[in-house]
């Protein structure tokens, strides 16, 4: 069974990470920012999986499991924050968070 070349997998991971980074930097909606962070985490996991398959080690797959655990924790905390911001300000716009001083 042939696998994809490591270059193609790493290019795909780089493109996904860049798309996620652009989403984090340009979006004003908290939900979209969290989705962009998830894309970035999945891109880094893809890079670990591709490298793991290339060098035939299991460490990349173990790191991917840790990344999935981190992503699940980030979603739980992020959704809790979104709910609290929405209850307080009736919006999920990031610019409103600048009012939360002190």
PDB file of N, CA and C in Angstrom:
ATOM      1  N   UNK A   1       0.841  -1.176   0.000  1.00  0.00           N
ATOM      2  CA  UNK A   1       0.000   0.000   0.000  1.00  0.00           C
ATOM      3  C   UNK A   1       0.889   1.244   0.000  1.00  0.00           C
ATOM      4  N   UNK A   2       0.685   2.092  -0.964  1.00  0.00           N
ATOM      5  CA  UNK A   2       1.482   3.307  -1.049  1.00  0.00           C
ATOM      6  C   UNK A   2       0.845   4.407  -0.220  1.00  0.00           C
ATOM      7  N   UNK A   3       1.708   5.204   0.362  1.00  0.00           N
ATOM      8  CA  UNK A   3       1.205   6.348   1.120  1.00  0.00           C
ATOM      9  C   UNK A   3       1.531   7.627   0.365  1.00  0.00           C
ATOM     10  N   UNK A   4       0.931   8.694   0.823  1.00  0.00           N
ATOM     11  CA  UNK A   4       1.198   9.973   0.164  1.00  0.00           C
ATOM     12  C   UNK A   4       2.610  10.430   0.517  1.00  0.00           C
ATOM     13  N   UNK A   5       3.244  11.189  -0.345  1.00  0.00           N
ATOM     14  CA  UNK A   5       4.584  11.698  -0.024  1.00  0.00           C
ATOM     15  C   UNK A   5       4.527  12.648   1.175  1.00  0.00           C
ATOM     16  N   UNK A   6       5.601  12.673   1.944  1.00  0.00           N
ATOM     17  CA  UNK A   6       5.644  13.508   3.134  1.00  0.00           C
ATOM     18  C   UNK A   6       5.509  14.983   2.772  1.00  0.00           C
ATOM     19  N   UNK A   7       6.012  15.369   1.617  1.00  0.00           N
ATOM     20  CA  UNK A   7       5.929  16.771   1.206  1.00  0.00           C
ATOM     21  C   UNK A   7       4.478  17.211   1.033  1.00  0.00           C
ATOM     22  N   UNK A   8       3.658  16.337   0.431  1.00  0.00           N
ATOM     23  CA  UNK A   8       2.259  16.679   0.196  1.00  0.00           C
ATOM     24  C   UNK A   8       1.505  16.813   1.522  1.00  0.00           C
ATOM     25  N   UNK A   9       1.773  15.910   2.434  1.00  0.00           N
ATOM     26  CA  UNK A   9       1.108  15.982   3.739  1.00  0.00           C
ATOM     27  C   UNK A   9       1.505  17.216   4.520  1.00  0.00           C
ATOM     28  N   UNK A  10       2.789  17.557   4.475  1.00  0.00           N
ATOM     29  CA  UNK A  10       3.239  18.747   5.203  1.00  0.00           C
ATOM     30  C   UNK A  10       2.763  20.033   4.530  1.00  0.00           C
ATOM     31  N   UNK A  11       2.660  20.033   3.216  1.00  0.00           N
ATOM     32  CA  UNK A  11       2.114  21.210   2.526  1.00  0.00           C
ATOM     33  C   UNK A  11       0.651  21.394   2.896  1.00  0.00           C
ATOM     34  N   UNK A  12      -0.107  20.309   2.929  1.00  0.00           N
ATOM     35  CA  UNK A  12      -1.507  20.389   3.337  1.00  0.00           C
ATOM     36  C   UNK A  12      -1.631  20.886   4.771  1.00  0.00           C
ATOM     37  N   UNK A  13      -0.790  20.384   5.660  1.00  0.00           N
ATOM     38  CA  UNK A  13      -0.810  20.841   7.048  1.00  0.00           C
ATOM     39  C   UNK A  13      -0.469  22.320   7.140  1.00  0.00           C
ATOM     40  N   UNK A  14       0.502  22.770   6.348  1.00  0.00           N
ATOM     41  CA  UNK A  14       0.863  24.181   6.340  1.00  0.00           C
ATOM     42  C   UNK A  14      -0.259  25.070   5.820  1.00  0.00           C
ATOM     43  N   UNK A  15      -0.941  24.609   4.778  1.00  0.00           N
ATOM     44  CA  UNK A  15      -2.062  25.377   4.235  1.00  0.00           C
ATOM     45  C   UNK A  15      -3.189  25.463   5.254  1.00  0.00           C
ATOM     46  N   UNK A  16      -3.505  24.341   5.891  1.00  0.00           N
ATOM     47  CA  UNK A  16      -4.555  24.353   6.910  1.00  0.00           C
ATOM     48  C   UNK A  16      -4.191  25.254   8.081  1.00  0.00           C
ATOM     49  N   UNK A  17      -2.937  25.199   8.515  1.00  0.00           N
ATOM     50  CA  UNK A  17      -2.508  26.042   9.625  1.00  0.00           C
ATOM     51  C   UNK A  17      -2.601  27.518   9.240  1.00  0.00           C
ATOM     52  N   UNK A  18      -2.202  27.841   8.016  1.00  0.00           N
ATOM     53  CA  UNK A  18      -2.279  29.228   7.553  1.00  0.00           C
ATOM     54  C   UNK A  18      -3.723  29.706   7.476  1.00  0.00           C
ATOM     55  N   UNK A  19      -4.623  28.859   6.985  1.00  0.00           N
ATOM     56  CA  UNK A  19      -6.040  29.225   6.948  1.00  0.00           C
ATOM     57  C   UNK A  19      -6.585  29.469   8.351  1.00  0.00           C
ATOM     58  N   UNK A  20      -6.203  28.619   9.284  1.00  0.00           N
ATOM     59  CA  UNK A  20      -6.632  28.816  10.663  1.00  0.00           C
ATOM     60  C   UNK A  20      -6.079  30.094  11.258  1.00  0.00           C
ATOM     61  N   UNK A  21      -4.822  30.393  10.970  1.00  0.00           N
ATOM     62  CA  UNK A  21      -4.200  31.618  11.478  1.00  0.00           C
ATOM     63  C   UNK A  21      -4.879  32.858  10.911  1.00  0.00           C
ATOM     64  N   UNK A  22      -5.191  32.822   9.622  1.00  0.00           N
ATOM     65  CA  UNK A  22      -5.905  33.948   9.010  1.00  0.00           C
ATOM     66  C   UNK A  22      -7.278  34.109   9.652  1.00  0.00           C
ATOM     67  N   UNK A  23      -7.946  33.005   9.923  1.00  0.00           N
ATOM     68  CA  UNK A  23      -9.250  33.072  10.579  1.00  0.00           C
ATOM     69  C   UNK A  23      -9.173  33.651  11.975  1.00  0.00           C
ATOM     70  N   UNK A  24      -8.143  33.289  12.722  1.00  0.00           N
ATOM     71  CA  UNK A  24      -7.980  33.832  14.082  1.00  0.00           C
ATOM     72  C   UNK A  24      -7.709  35.326  14.032  1.00  0.00           C
ATOM     73  N   UNK A  25      -6.907  35.764  13.078  1.00  0.00           N
ATOM     74  CA  UNK A  25      -6.512  37.167  13.015  1.00  0.00           C
ATOM     75  C   UNK A  25      -7.579  38.079  12.412  1.00  0.00           C
ATOM     76  N   UNK A  26      -8.478  37.550  11.592  1.00  0.00           N
ATOM     77  CA  UNK A  26      -9.424  38.411  10.896  1.00  0.00           C
ATOM     78  C   UNK A  26     -10.851  38.339  11.423  1.00  0.00           C
ATOM     79  N   UNK A  27     -11.240  37.265  12.042  1.00  0.00           N
ATOM     80  CA  UNK A  27     -12.628  37.120  12.473  1.00  0.00           C
ATOM     81  C   UNK A  27     -12.899  37.911  13.740  1.00  0.00           C
ATOM     82  N   UNK A  28     -14.149  38.349  13.895  1.00  0.00           N
ATOM     83  CA  UNK A  28     -14.563  39.077  15.087  1.00  0.00           C
ATOM     84  C   UNK A  28     -15.551  38.272  15.925  1.00  0.00           C
ATOM     85  N   UNK A  29     -15.984  37.147  15.421  1.00  0.00           N
ATOM     86  CA  UNK A  29     -16.932  36.296  16.130  1.00  0.00           C
ATOM     87  C   UNK A  29     -16.153  35.249  16.925  1.00  0.00           C
ATOM     88  N   UNK A  30     -16.477  35.106  18.195  1.00  0.00           N
ATOM     89  CA  UNK A  30     -15.733  34.180  19.056  1.00  0.00           C
ATOM     90  C   UNK A  30     -15.859  32.747  18.566  1.00  0.00           C
ATOM     91  N   UNK A  31     -17.026  32.381  18.060  1.00  0.00           N
ATOM     92  CA  UNK A  31     -17.235  31.007  17.585  1.00  0.00           C
ATOM     93  C   UNK A  31     -16.302  30.708  16.405  1.00  0.00           C
ATOM     94  N   UNK A  32     -16.192  31.645  15.480  1.00  0.00           N
ATOM     95  CA  UNK A  32     -15.315  31.440  14.327  1.00  0.00           C
ATOM     96  C   UNK A  32     -13.848  31.419  14.735  1.00  0.00           C
ATOM     97  N   UNK A  33     -13.496  32.193  15.738  1.00  0.00           N
ATOM     98  CA  UNK A  33     -12.113  32.168  16.231  1.00  0.00           C
ATOM     99  C   UNK A  33     -11.798  30.799  16.819  1.00  0.00           C
ATOM    100  N   UNK A  34     -12.732  30.242  17.604  1.00  0.00           N
ATOM    101  CA  UNK A  34     -12.515  28.902  18.161  1.00  0.00           C
ATOM    102  C   UNK A  34     -12.437  27.847  17.058  1.00  0.00           C
ATOM    103  N   UNK A  35     -13.252  27.991  16.018  1.00  0.00           N
ATOM    104  CA  UNK A  35     -13.184  27.049  14.905  1.00  0.00           C
ATOM    105  C   UNK A  35     -11.841  27.158  14.189  1.00  0.00           C
ATOM    106  N   UNK A  36     -11.327  28.368  14.060  1.00  0.00           N
ATOM    107  CA  UNK A  36     -10.018  28.555  13.426  1.00  0.00           C
ATOM    108  C   UNK A  36      -8.910  27.942  14.275  1.00  0.00           C
ATOM    109  N   UNK A  37      -9.031  28.068  15.593  1.00  0.00           N
ATOM    110  CA  UNK A  37      -8.056  27.417  16.481  1.00  0.00           C
ATOM    111  C   UNK A  37      -8.102  25.903  16.328  1.00  0.00           C
ATOM    112  N   UNK A  38      -9.299  25.355  16.168  1.00  0.00           N
ATOM    113  CA  UNK A  38      -9.428  23.909  15.954  1.00  0.00           C
ATOM    114  C   UNK A  38      -8.755  23.493  14.642  1.00  0.00           C
ATOM    115  N   UNK A  39      -8.901  24.299  13.604  1.00  0.00           N
ATOM    116  CA  UNK A  39      -8.241  23.998  12.333  1.00  0.00           C
ATOM    117  C   UNK A  39      -6.728  23.997  12.509  1.00  0.00           C
ATOM    118  N   UNK A  40      -6.221  24.969  13.275  1.00  0.00           N
ATOM    119  CA  UNK A  40      -4.778  25.023  13.514  1.00  0.00           C
ATOM    120  C   UNK A  40      -4.301  23.807  14.303  1.00  0.00           C
ATOM    121  N   UNK A  41      -5.067  23.385  15.308  1.00  0.00           N
ATOM    122  CA  UNK A  41      -4.683  22.192  16.076  1.00  0.00           C
ATOM    123  C   UNK A  41      -4.713  20.941  15.206  1.00  0.00           C
ATOM    124  N   UNK A  42      -5.725  20.828  14.342  1.00  0.00           N
ATOM    125  CA  UNK A  42      -5.790  19.667  13.454  1.00  0.00           C
ATOM    126  C   UNK A  42      -4.654  19.674  12.436  1.00  0.00           C
ATOM    127  N   UNK A  43      -4.243  20.847  11.995  1.00  0.00           N
ATOM    128  CA  UNK A  43      -3.117  20.926  11.057  1.00  0.00           C
ATOM    129  C   UNK A  43      -1.829  20.461  11.725  1.00  0.00           C
ATOM    130  N   UNK A  44      -1.623  20.862  12.971  1.00  0.00           N
ATOM    131  CA  UNK A  44      -0.414  20.393  13.657  1.00  0.00           C
ATOM    132  C   UNK A  44      -0.490  18.886  13.906  1.00  0.00           C
ATOM    133  N   UNK A  45      -1.668  18.381  14.202  1.00  0.00           N
ATOM    134  CA  UNK A  45      -1.829  16.930  14.361  1.00  0.00           C
ATOM    135  C   UNK A  45      -1.559  16.187  13.067  1.00  0.00           C
ATOM    136  N   UNK A  46      -2.011  16.746  11.951  1.00  0.00           N
ATOM    137  CA  UNK A  46      -1.739  16.136  10.655  1.00  0.00           C
ATOM    138  C   UNK A  46      -0.242  16.082  10.381  1.00  0.00           C
ATOM    139  N   UNK A  47       0.473  17.142  10.736  1.00  0.00           N
ATOM    140  CA  UNK A  47       1.929  17.149  10.533  1.00  0.00           C
ATOM    141  C   UNK A  47       2.593  16.050  11.370  1.00  0.00           C
ATOM    142  N   UNK A  48       2.134  15.864  12.600  1.00  0.00           N
ATOM    143  CA  UNK A  48       2.676  14.786  13.435  1.00  0.00           C
ATOM    144  C   UNK A  48       2.383  13.417  12.834  1.00  0.00           C
ATOM    145  N   UNK A  49       1.176  13.215  12.324  1.00  0.00           N
ATOM    146  CA  UNK A  49       0.807  11.925  11.740  1.00  0.00           C
ATOM    147  C   UNK A  49       1.628  11.643  10.486  1.00  0.00           C
ATOM    148  N   UNK A  50       1.806  12.640   9.642  1.00  0.00           N
ATOM    149  CA  UNK A  50       2.583  12.452   8.405  1.00  0.00           C
ATOM    150  C   UNK A  50       4.031  12.107   8.744  1.00  0.00           C
ATOM    151  N   UNK A  51       4.607  12.831   9.694  1.00  0.00           N
ATOM    152  CA  UNK A  51       5.988  12.539  10.077  1.00  0.00           C
ATOM    153  C   UNK A  51       6.095  11.170  10.729  1.00  0.00           C
ATOM    154  N   UNK A  52       5.100  10.809  11.509  1.00  0.00           N
ATOM    155  CA  UNK A  52       5.100   9.498  12.157  1.00  0.00           C
ATOM    156  C   UNK A  52       5.031   8.376  11.123  1.00  0.00           C
ATOM    157  N   UNK A  53       4.216   8.571  10.106  1.00  0.00           N
ATOM    158  CA  UNK A  53       4.110   7.550   9.061  1.00  0.00           C
ATOM    159  C   UNK A  53       5.397   7.460   8.247  1.00  0.00           C
ATOM    160  N   UNK A  54       6.057   8.581   8.057  1.00  0.00           N
ATOM    161  CA  UNK A  54       7.294   8.589   7.263  1.00  0.00           C
ATOM    162  C   UNK A  54       8.409   7.826   7.961  1.00  0.00           C
ATOM    163  N   UNK A  55       8.575   8.089   9.261  1.00  0.00           N
ATOM    164  CA  UNK A  55       9.670   7.466   9.994  1.00  0.00           C
ATOM    165  C   UNK A  55       9.254   6.220  10.747  1.00  0.00           C
ATOM    166  N   UNK A  56       8.017   5.797  10.569  1.00  0.00           N
ATOM    167  CA  UNK A  56       7.491   4.549  11.128  1.00  0.00           C
ATOM    168  C   UNK A  56       7.670   4.466  12.641  1.00  0.00           C
ATOM    169  N   UNK A  57       7.331   5.565  13.316  1.00  0.00           N
ATOM    170  CA  UNK A  57       7.327   5.605  14.774  1.00  0.00           C
ATOM    171  C   UNK A  57       5.922   5.936  15.246  1.00  0.00           C
ATOM    172  N   UNK A  58       5.600   5.527  16.453  1.00  0.00           N
ATOM    173  CA  UNK A  58       4.260   5.774  16.989  1.00  0.00           C
ATOM    174  C   UNK A  58       4.157   7.076  17.773  1.00  0.00           C
ATOM    175  N   UNK A  59       5.263   7.780  17.943  1.00  0.00           N
ATOM    176  CA  UNK A  59       5.219   8.994  18.756  1.00  0.00           C
ATOM    177  C   UNK A  59       4.318  10.067  18.150  1.00  0.00           C
ATOM    178  N   UNK A  60       4.267  10.154  16.837  1.00  0.00           N
ATOM    179  CA  UNK A  60       3.411  11.138  16.186  1.00  0.00           C
ATOM    180  C   UNK A  60       1.942  10.869  16.443  1.00  0.00           C
ATOM    181  N   UNK A  61       1.579   9.594  16.486  1.00  0.00           N
ATOM    182  CA  UNK A  61       0.193   9.240  16.766  1.00  0.00           C
ATOM    183  C   UNK A  61      -0.158   9.512  18.227  1.00  0.00           C
ATOM    184  N   UNK A  62       0.793   9.309  19.110  1.00  0.00           N
ATOM    185  CA  UNK A  62       0.574   9.629  20.526  1.00  0.00           C
ATOM    186  C   UNK A  62       0.410  11.137  20.696  1.00  0.00           C
ATOM    187  N   UNK A  63       1.228  11.908  19.992  1.00  0.00           N
ATOM    188  CA  UNK A  63       1.086  13.364  20.054  1.00  0.00           C
ATOM    189  C   UNK A  63      -0.253  13.812  19.497  1.00  0.00           C
ATOM    190  N   UNK A  64      -0.735  13.133  18.463  1.00  0.00           N
ATOM    191  CA  UNK A  64      -2.041  13.481  17.913  1.00  0.00           C
ATOM    192  C   UNK A  64      -3.141  13.235  18.933  1.00  0.00           C
ATOM    193  N   UNK A  65      -3.034  12.155  19.685  1.00  0.00           N
ATOM    194  CA  UNK A  65      -4.021  11.903  20.750  1.00  0.00           C
ATOM    195  C   UNK A  65      -3.968  12.996  21.810  1.00  0.00           C
ATOM    196  N   UNK A  66      -2.778  13.468  22.127  1.00  0.00           N
ATOM    197  CA  UNK A  66      -2.662  14.566  23.089  1.00  0.00           C
ATOM    198  C   UNK A  66      -3.253  15.851  22.514  1.00  0.00           C
ATOM    199  N   UNK A  67      -3.070  16.085  21.222  1.00  0.00           N
ATOM    200  CA  UNK A  67      -3.645  17.264  20.573  1.00  0.00           C
ATOM    201  C   UNK A  67      -5.166  17.181  20.582  1.00  0.00           C
ATOM    202  N   UNK A  68      -5.715  15.998  20.341  1.00  0.00           N
ATOM    203  CA  UNK A  68      -7.165  15.832  20.407  1.00  0.00           C
ATOM    204  C   UNK A  68      -7.695  16.107  21.804  1.00  0.00           C
ATOM    205  N   UNK A  69      -6.960  15.666  22.824  1.00  0.00           N
ATOM    206  CA  UNK A  69      -7.357  15.931  24.205  1.00  0.00           C
ATOM    207  C   UNK A  69      -7.327  17.427  24.486  1.00  0.00           C
ATOM    208  N   UNK A  70      -6.288  18.098  24.031  1.00  0.00           N
ATOM    209  CA  UNK A  70      -6.191  19.546  24.203  1.00  0.00           C
ATOM    210  C   UNK A  70      -7.321  20.253  23.469  1.00  0.00           C
ATOM    211  N   UNK A  71      -7.667  19.794  22.286  1.00  0.00           N
ATOM    212  CA  UNK A  71      -8.744  20.412  21.519  1.00  0.00           C
ATOM    213  C   UNK A  71     -10.085  20.238  22.226  1.00  0.00           C
ATOM    214  N   UNK A  72     -10.311  19.076  22.809  1.00  0.00           N
ATOM    215  CA  UNK A  72     -11.562  18.850  23.538  1.00  0.00           C
ATOM    216  C   UNK A  72     -11.654  19.764  24.758  1.00  0.00           C
ATOM    217  N   UNK A  73     -10.549  19.930  25.466  1.00  0.00           N
ATOM    218  CA  UNK A  73     -10.544  20.830  26.616  1.00  0.00           C
ATOM    219  C   UNK A  73     -10.750  22.280  26.170  1.00  0.00           C
ATOM    220  N   UNK A  74     -10.144  22.651  25.064  1.00  0.00           N
ATOM    221  CA  UNK A  74     -10.297  24.014  24.555  1.00  0.00           C
ATOM    222  C   UNK A  74     -11.744  24.287  24.163  1.00  0.00           C
ATOM    223  N   UNK A  75     -12.406  23.324  23.561  1.00  0.00           N
ATOM    224  CA  UNK A  75     -13.805  23.492  23.183  1.00  0.00           C
ATOM    225  C   UNK A  75     -14.675  23.649  24.425  1.00  0.00           C
ATOM    226  N   UNK A  76     -14.430  22.843  25.438  1.00  0.00           N
ATOM    227  CA  UNK A  76     -15.238  22.924  26.660  1.00  0.00           C
ATOM    228  C   UNK A  76     -15.088  24.281  27.335  1.00  0.00           C
ATOM    229  N   UNK A  77     -13.871  24.730  27.506  1.00  0.00           N
ATOM    230  CA  UNK A  77     -13.634  26.027  28.146  1.00  0.00           C
ATOM    231  C   UNK A  77     -14.131  27.161  27.255  1.00  0.00           C
ATOM    232  N   UNK A  78     -13.859  27.069  25.957  1.00  0.00           N
ATOM    233  CA  UNK A  78     -14.279  28.117  25.030  1.00  0.00           C
ATOM    234  C   UNK A  78     -15.782  28.279  24.966  1.00  0.00           C
ATOM    235  N   UNK A  79     -16.516  27.171  24.923  1.00  0.00           N
ATOM    236  CA  UNK A  79     -17.973  27.276  24.883  1.00  0.00           C
ATOM    237  C   UNK A  79     -18.525  27.842  26.183  1.00  0.00           C
ATOM    238  N   UNK A  80     -17.906  27.503  27.302  1.00  0.00           N
ATOM    239  CA  UNK A  80     -18.309  28.107  28.571  1.00  0.00           C
ATOM    240  C   UNK A  80     -18.102  29.613  28.571  1.00  0.00           C
ATOM    241  N   UNK A  81     -16.976  30.050  28.037  1.00  0.00           N
ATOM    242  CA  UNK A  81     -16.717  31.491  27.936  1.00  0.00           C
ATOM    243  C   UNK A  81     -17.695  32.176  26.982  1.00  0.00           C
ATOM    244  N   UNK A  82     -17.995  31.521  25.880  1.00  0.00           N
ATOM    245  CA  UNK A  82     -18.941  32.101  24.921  1.00  0.00           C
ATOM    246  C   UNK A  82     -20.310  32.277  25.558  1.00  0.00           C
ATOM    247  N   UNK A  83     -20.747  31.301  26.310  1.00  0.00           N
ATOM    248  CA  UNK A  83     -22.053  31.397  26.970  1.00  0.00           C
ATOM    249  C   UNK A  83     -22.076  32.551  27.959  1.00  0.00           C
ATOM    250  N   UNK A  84     -21.012  32.696  28.733  1.00  0.00           N
ATOM    251  CA  UNK A  84     -20.964  33.787  29.711  1.00  0.00           C
ATOM    252  C   UNK A  84     -20.909  35.157  29.032  1.00  0.00           C
ATOM    253  N   UNK A  85     -20.135  35.290  27.967  1.00  0.00           N
ATOM    254  CA  UNK A  85     -20.068  36.561  27.246  1.00  0.00           C
ATOM    255  C   UNK A  85     -21.420  36.885  26.625  1.00  0.00           C
ATOM    256  N   UNK A  86     -22.080  35.870  26.069  1.00  0.00           N
ATOM    257  CA  UNK A  86     -23.386  36.118  25.453  1.00  0.00           C
ATOM    258  C   UNK A  86     -24.419  36.509  26.506  1.00  0.00           C
ATOM    259  N   UNK A  87     -24.395  35.879  27.664  1.00  0.00           N
ATOM    260  CA  UNK A  87     -25.338  36.243  28.727  1.00  0.00           C
ATOM    261  C   UNK A  87     -25.120  37.674  29.206  1.00  0.00           C
ATOM    262  N   UNK A  88     -23.882  38.094  29.256  1.00  0.00           N
ATOM    263  CA  UNK A  88     -23.593  39.427  29.783  1.00  0.00           C
ATOM    264  C   UNK A  88     -23.802  40.534  28.748  1.00  0.00           C
ATOM    265  N   UNK A  89     -23.368  40.315  27.504  1.00  0.00           N
ATOM    266  CA  UNK A  89     -23.392  41.378  26.495  1.00  0.00           C
ATOM    267  C   UNK A  89     -24.387  41.146  25.362  1.00  0.00           C
ATOM    268  N   UNK A  90     -25.049  40.009  25.309  1.00  0.00           N
ATOM    269  CA  UNK A  90     -26.010  39.654  24.254  1.00  0.00           C
ATOM    270  C   UNK A  90     -25.380  39.654  22.855  1.00  0.00           C
ATOM    271  N   UNK A  91     -24.093  39.373  22.774  1.00  0.00           N
ATOM    272  CA  UNK A  91     -23.398  39.262  21.499  1.00  0.00           C
ATOM    273  C   UNK A  91     -22.168  38.381  21.687  1.00  0.00           C
ATOM    274  N   UNK A  92     -21.647  37.858  20.575  1.00  0.00           N
ATOM    275  CA  UNK A  92     -20.419  37.062  20.631  1.00  0.00           C
ATOM    276  C   UNK A  92     -19.300  37.755  19.859  1.00  0.00           C
ATOM    277  N   UNK A  93     -19.380  39.074  19.773  1.00  0.00           N
ATOM    278  CA  UNK A  93     -18.356  39.863  19.096  1.00  0.00           C
ATOM    279  C   UNK A  93     -17.156  40.056  20.016  1.00  0.00           C
ATOM    280  N   UNK A  94     -15.964  39.854  19.478  1.00  0.00           N
ATOM    281  CA  UNK A  94     -14.745  39.957  20.278  1.00  0.00           C
ATOM    282  C   UNK A  94     -14.495  41.385  20.742  1.00  0.00           C
ATOM    283  N   UNK A  95     -14.889  42.360  19.942  1.00  0.00           N
ATOM    284  CA  UNK A  95     -14.637  43.754  20.320  1.00  0.00           C
ATOM    285  C   UNK A  95     -15.347  44.135  21.608  1.00  0.00           C
ATOM    286  N   UNK A  96     -16.422  43.453  21.958  1.00  0.00           N
ATOM    287  CA  UNK A  96     -17.151  43.738  23.195  1.00  0.00           C
ATOM    288  C   UNK A  96     -16.305  43.363  24.408  1.00  0.00           C
ATOM    289  N   UNK A  97     -15.408  42.425  24.242  1.00  0.00           N
ATOM    290  CA  UNK A  97     -14.592  41.969  25.378  1.00  0.00           C
ATOM    291  C   UNK A  97     -13.654  43.047  25.896  1.00  0.00           C
ATOM    292  N   UNK A  98     -13.417  44.077  25.126  1.00  0.00           N
ATOM    293  CA  UNK A  98     -12.557  45.165  25.618  1.00  0.00           C
ATOM    294  C   UNK A  98     -13.245  45.933  26.742  1.00  0.00           C
ATOM    295  N   UNK A  99     -14.556  45.776  26.883  1.00  0.00           N
ATOM    296  CA  UNK A  99     -15.295  46.420  27.975  1.00  0.00           C
ATOM    297  C   UNK A  99     -15.120  45.693  29.304  1.00  0.00           C
ATOM    298  N   UNK A 100     -14.546  44.503  29.282  1.00  0.00           N
ATOM    299  CA  UNK A 100     -14.411  43.686  30.494  1.00  0.00           C
ATOM    300  C   UNK A 100     -13.121  44.024  31.224  1.00  0.00           C
ATOM    301  N   UNK A 101     -12.966  45.259  31.620  1.00  0.00           N
ATOM    302  CA  UNK A 101     -11.760  45.671  32.345  1.00  0.00           C
ATOM    303  C   UNK A 101     -12.095  45.788  33.825  1.00  0.00           C
ATOM    304  N   UNK A 102     -11.148  45.309  34.651  1.00  0.00           N
ATOM    305  CA  UNK A 102     -11.299  45.460  36.083  1.00  0.00           C
ATOM    306  C   UNK A 102     -12.143  44.442  36.617  1.00  0.00           C
TER     307      UNK A 102
END
